[in-house]
Protein backbone atom coordinates (compact mmCIF):
# COMPACT_ATOMS: atom_id res chain seq x y z
CA MET A 1 -1.83 15.46 5.03
CA THR A 2 -0.91 18.39 7.30
CA ASP A 3 1.73 18.27 10.03
CA GLU A 4 -1.03 18.47 12.67
CA GLU A 5 -2.81 15.50 11.12
CA ARG A 6 0.44 13.54 11.02
CA ARG A 7 1.19 14.26 14.69
CA LEU A 8 -2.28 13.13 15.75
CA GLY A 9 -2.22 10.05 13.52
CA LEU A 10 1.12 8.88 14.89
CA GLU A 11 -0.03 9.46 18.46
CA ILE A 12 -3.11 7.32 17.79
CA TYR A 13 -0.87 4.54 16.48
CA ARG A 14 1.38 4.86 19.55
CA GLN A 15 -1.48 4.69 22.04
CA LEU A 16 -3.28 1.86 20.22
CA SER A 17 -0.06 -0.17 20.40
CA TYR A 18 -0.67 -0.55 24.16
CA GLY A 19 -3.67 -2.73 23.31
CA GLU A 20 -6.50 -0.60 24.70
CA PRO A 21 -9.09 1.73 23.14
CA VAL A 22 -7.84 5.31 22.90
CA SER A 23 -9.84 8.23 24.28
CA LYS A 24 -9.79 11.68 22.73
CA SER A 25 -8.93 13.20 26.11
CA ARG A 26 -5.76 11.07 26.32
CA LEU A 27 -4.80 12.16 22.82
CA ALA A 28 -5.38 15.80 23.72
CA GLU A 29 -3.25 15.45 26.85
CA ALA A 30 -0.39 13.77 24.95
CA LEU A 31 -0.41 16.44 22.24
CA GLU A 32 -0.99 19.30 24.70
CA VAL A 33 -4.07 20.55 22.88
CA ALA A 34 -7.73 20.95 23.83
CA THR A 35 -10.02 17.96 23.29
CA PRO A 36 -12.20 19.91 20.79
CA GLY A 37 -9.05 20.38 18.71
CA VAL A 38 -8.61 16.61 18.54
CA ASP A 39 -12.28 16.23 17.58
CA ASP A 40 -11.83 18.75 14.80
CA LEU A 41 -8.74 17.03 13.39
CA LEU A 42 -10.39 13.61 13.52
CA GLY A 43 -13.14 15.04 11.34
CA HIS A 44 -10.68 15.92 8.57
CA PRO A 45 -11.07 13.56 5.58
CA ASN A 46 -7.42 12.41 5.77
CA LEU A 47 -7.98 11.00 9.27
CA LYS A 48 -11.71 10.30 9.29
CA CYS A 49 -11.39 7.58 6.65
CA LEU A 50 -8.68 5.86 8.75
CA THR A 51 -10.46 5.97 12.12
CA TYR A 52 -12.88 3.52 13.72
CA ALA A 53 -14.44 4.20 17.13
CA ASP A 54 -16.59 2.23 19.57
CA ASN A 55 -19.97 3.29 20.96
CA GLU A 56 -18.23 5.36 23.62
CA GLY A 57 -16.28 7.33 21.04
CA ARG A 58 -12.96 5.68 21.87
CA ILE A 59 -10.72 4.81 18.94
CA ILE A 60 -10.41 1.05 18.46
CA GLY A 61 -8.87 1.04 14.99
CA PHE A 62 -6.71 3.38 12.98
CA GLY A 63 -4.89 3.10 9.68
CA GLY A 64 -4.70 -0.69 9.67
CA LEU A 65 -4.13 -1.29 13.41
CA ALA A 66 -6.88 -2.53 15.74
CA VAL A 67 -7.34 -3.51 19.38
CA ARG A 68 -10.48 -5.58 18.70
CA GLU A 69 -10.05 -9.09 17.35
CA MET A 70 -9.58 -9.49 13.61
CA PRO A 71 -8.15 -12.37 11.54
CA HIS A 72 -4.60 -10.97 11.27
CA ARG A 73 -2.79 -11.26 14.62
CA PHE A 74 -0.05 -8.73 15.38
CA ARG A 75 1.99 -9.04 18.60
CA VAL A 76 4.29 -6.29 19.86
CA ASP A 77 6.08 -6.27 23.23
CA GLY A 78 3.96 -9.20 24.40
CA ARG A 79 0.67 -7.47 23.58
CA THR A 80 -1.76 -8.98 21.06
CA LEU A 81 -3.18 -6.52 18.56
CA TYR A 82 -4.65 -7.03 15.11
CA THR A 83 -4.30 -5.59 11.63
CA TRP A 84 -7.02 -4.96 9.08
CA CYS A 85 -5.21 -6.82 6.32
CA ALA A 86 -1.95 -8.62 5.58
CA TRP A 87 -0.13 -5.58 4.18
CA ASP A 88 -0.73 -3.51 7.33
CA SER A 89 1.42 -5.93 9.31
CA LEU A 90 4.40 -5.14 7.07
CA PHE A 91 4.43 -1.34 7.42
CA ILE A 92 3.03 -0.69 10.91
CA PRO A 93 6.24 -1.89 12.64
CA GLY A 94 8.03 0.96 10.83
CA ILE A 95 5.51 3.47 12.19
CA LEU A 96 5.68 2.12 15.75
CA GLY A 97 9.43 1.51 15.74
CA LEU A 98 8.71 -1.95 17.16
CA GLU A 99 9.27 -5.51 15.97
CA ALA A 100 6.09 -7.56 15.49
CA GLU A 101 5.19 -11.25 15.41
CA VAL A 102 2.51 -11.76 12.77
CA GLU A 103 0.12 -14.66 12.17
CA SER A 104 -2.24 -14.39 9.23
CA PRO A 105 -4.74 -16.85 7.68
CA ALA A 106 -4.88 -17.59 3.97
CA PRO A 107 -8.44 -17.18 2.60
CA GLY A 108 -10.41 -20.36 2.02
CA SER A 109 -7.81 -22.47 3.79
CA THR A 110 -6.61 -23.55 7.22
CA ALA A 111 -3.08 -22.51 6.23
CA ARG A 112 -1.42 -19.69 8.15
CA VAL A 113 1.56 -17.53 7.34
CA ARG A 114 3.81 -16.39 10.20
CA LEU A 115 6.28 -13.53 10.02
CA ARG A 116 8.63 -11.56 12.23
CA VAL A 117 8.70 -7.99 10.98
CA ALA A 118 11.16 -5.36 12.20
CA PRO A 119 10.82 -1.64 11.43
CA ASP A 120 13.45 -1.92 8.69
CA GLU A 121 13.09 -5.48 7.37
CA VAL A 122 11.16 -8.74 7.35
CA LYS A 123 13.32 -10.99 9.52
CA HIS A 124 11.48 -14.28 9.12
CA VAL A 125 8.71 -15.75 6.95
CA GLU A 126 7.13 -19.17 7.45
CA PRO A 127 6.75 -20.82 5.04
CA ARG A 128 9.58 -19.22 3.10
CA SER A 129 7.55 -19.57 -0.10
CA ALA A 130 4.83 -17.21 1.18
CA VAL A 131 3.58 -14.38 -1.05
CA MET A 132 0.86 -11.72 -0.86
CA SER A 133 -2.09 -10.75 -3.03
CA PHE A 134 -2.51 -7.08 -3.87
CA LEU A 135 -5.10 -4.86 -5.51
CA LEU A 136 -3.88 -3.24 -8.71
CA PRO A 137 -3.84 0.60 -8.61
CA SER A 138 -5.64 0.62 -11.96
CA ALA A 139 -8.58 -1.32 -10.54
CA GLN A 140 -12.01 0.17 -11.30
CA THR A 141 -12.71 0.25 -7.56
CA PHE A 142 -10.03 2.90 -7.10
CA GLN A 143 -11.07 4.90 -10.13
CA ALA A 144 -14.69 5.03 -9.00
CA ASP A 145 -14.30 6.20 -5.39
CA VAL A 146 -11.04 6.27 -3.45
CA LEU A 147 -12.62 6.27 0.03
CA LYS A 148 -14.88 3.34 -0.81
CA ALA A 149 -11.88 1.57 -2.31
CA MET A 150 -9.95 1.94 0.94
CA ALA A 151 -12.90 0.50 2.85
CA SER A 152 -12.91 -2.63 0.66
CA PHE A 153 -9.14 -2.75 0.07
CA CYS A 154 -8.49 -5.38 2.73
CA HIS A 155 -10.85 -7.85 1.07
CA TYR A 156 -8.13 -8.32 -1.55
CA ILE A 157 -4.92 -8.33 0.52
CA PHE A 158 -3.86 -11.67 2.00
CA PHE A 159 -0.77 -13.75 2.64
CA PHE A 160 -0.62 -17.15 0.96
CA PRO A 161 1.76 -20.00 1.81
CA ASP A 162 2.89 -20.38 -1.80
CA PRO A 163 2.57 -18.69 -5.22
CA GLU A 164 0.34 -21.47 -6.59
CA MET A 165 -2.37 -20.94 -3.95
CA ALA A 166 -2.13 -17.19 -4.43
CA ALA A 167 -2.41 -17.49 -8.22
CA ALA A 168 -5.50 -19.69 -7.90
CA TRP A 169 -7.15 -17.09 -5.65
CA THR A 170 -6.22 -14.03 -7.74
CA SER A 171 -7.41 -15.75 -10.92
CA SER A 172 -10.96 -15.55 -9.57
CA HIS A 173 -10.60 -12.01 -8.18
CA PRO A 174 -10.25 -9.44 -11.00
CA ASP A 175 -7.78 -6.56 -10.61
CA THR A 176 -5.60 -8.46 -8.13
CA THR A 177 -2.04 -9.65 -8.52
CA VAL A 178 0.59 -11.61 -6.58
CA ILE A 179 3.68 -9.92 -5.14
CA SER A 180 6.57 -11.13 -3.01
CA VAL A 181 6.75 -10.35 0.70
CA PRO A 182 9.93 -8.22 0.25
CA ASP A 183 8.22 -6.20 -2.51
CA ALA A 184 5.13 -5.73 -0.33
CA PHE A 185 7.35 -4.56 2.54
CA GLU A 186 9.07 -2.05 0.26
CA LEU A 187 5.74 -0.69 -0.98
CA GLY A 188 4.71 -0.19 2.63
CA ARG A 189 7.98 1.53 3.47
CA GLN A 190 7.46 3.96 0.61
CA MET A 191 3.87 4.65 1.66
CA VAL A 192 4.95 5.38 5.25
CA ALA A 193 7.71 7.69 4.03
CA ALA A 194 5.25 9.62 1.87
CA ARG A 195 2.43 9.86 4.40
CA TRP A 196 4.02 9.90 7.86
CA ARG A 197 7.78 10.48 7.67
CA ARG A 198 7.79 14.23 8.35
CA ALA A 199 6.25 13.59 11.77
CA LEU A 200 8.17 10.42 12.70
């Protein structure tokens, strides 16, 4: 990812965190570039695969963060946003520099996991026994087509209230595993450092 792509990506995250769709003209103004330049960058593969827009061309989702309702609730500064999957809620606070209150449903259950996630740590998990499912990097999905894998990635990433429920779910979903919340947070921290840190 280039420095220009990083700058634009982080500005999209920042503007989405206000809870409203983001226009390309607002991005151009914030970055002090022409709107066609923003259009061009958004067409780059590194950003295109992370970006979702509405019918008016406004960005409503980017890199795991969304302003339209999704199952994983993500509250920052009193504003309700959403994440694409459970893991997103662990690393996006580090990108935004904001603490988040997270509420996430376990698949096939009425159980919910609640967390308070700061940029540098997970401060609270309820229940304390909660864990997360994860897609193994060696999964055939990744080997076949990385972009398609990213599109389906979130179908495998959930919080569970306890390891037993998670193990039952992963046993019927090949190429998935169970990891602890602290380990998932650390994986996210490393990903952010590799992808975004130079522009943060």
